[in-house]
Amino acid sequence: MSMDMTFLGTGSAYPSPHRGASAVVLRTDGECWLFDCGEGTQTQLMKSQLRAGRITKVFISHLHGDHLFGLPGLLCTVSLNTNPDMEQSLKCVDIYGPRGLRNCSSHMQAVHELESTPDQSPEEGQLSLEMTVNCSPPHPQEQPGRTIPLDVSDDCYLLFQDNKFVVKAFRLFHRIPSFGFCIQEHDRPGKLKKELLKELGLKPGPLYGRLKAGESLLLDSGRLLHPSEVLEADIPGRKVCVFGDCSSVLGEGAFRLCDRADLLVHEATLGNEHREKAVDHGHSTPEMAAAVARTCSARRLVLYHFSQRYKPSSLQKEGDKDVSELKKQADQALQDSGVEVILAEDFMTIPIPLKRQPS
């Protein structure tokens, strides 16, 4: 199963001619999941190789405009691109995000709201009950959503799970409650020990598939053959973690979820020299992002959500802030860690390859 991540917008605060506002797409088997949807995301999608009609899930990290203002228009576009036959008319985009998100959405979706905790932001950043309760009647095509509480035993939120993935959210500290998301692919069964199967008298065919699927077989000899006897070790599934805006991570749940992430996407709004300003505004520096990646033993750290003062390397003019300096700062903080640092740019696509059989 192929998997990759495309950055539609890597800038903070607002879209500019050189950086779109926050929007990241995880693509797997033709299905697209969108993480944040800043103003102009539709335009960025049109410039990319991705299709808005493929978006089935949207994850909003927090309710600041540069992560949200593109959502109503995008949902309308998705519904317009839906085929009018009966099967397609039932298609629904699932949207996950903080309480209050239902007030910012459109029809043709189910909005699932995460309940934040008081320590996720300063007191002035907590939304009042009046601002989070949706008093308007539901749209005729609107699907019912869930309210998802924090699982205090795991310090995380279970958003959903299916036969391919488990997706959870975790708490971050920002000026208003913010969240990160962990996408964990299920482990894949290891290869069949074909030589052993031949010794047992089993020939290639449907029985091999049943064993691979985890079914035990009763052999002609009367022996019950369990899959664990003829399968090599499971191949670990891939793990992708996307952090919303934050100046710190709350609790241990995030670090447990993101342990050994194949790809960890973290904001680096300002350089290390502006750490005090970054923290004051609820943001991170490359050194702070690197500390998270090191704690999680991530394989690759992707920096994004840059201040608009940092122009892409290809567009820099004399006197512009050099965005590559942010990568250098993260690299320096991750010396001898084995973590690869990637500097995201608009329309960059990063493949996430399958893992190999454990040795």
Foldseek 3Di string as FASTA:
>chain_A
DWKWKAWAFFAADAQDPFGAFGWMWIDDPQAIEIEFFAPPSVVSCVVFPHDLLRYQEYEQFAPDRSRAVRAAVSVVVNQVPFDPDPVSLLREREYEEAQLVVVRYDARYEYEHEYDDCQQAPNVQEDDPVNRDDPDDHDPRHDYYYYWYQPVVLQWTFPDDDQFWTKIKHWAHFNHTGIKMKIFTAWAWADFQVVVCVVVVDDDDVVNVCLSVFHWDQDPVRDIHGSVVGTADTFGTAMEMEGDFAPGGDDCNVLVRLAQHQEYEFEAADAPVCQVVQVVRGHHHLLSQLVSCLSNLYQEYEYGHYHPQAGAPVPDDPPGDDPVVSVVNNCVNCPPSNYHYHYDGRGDMGIRDGGDRDD
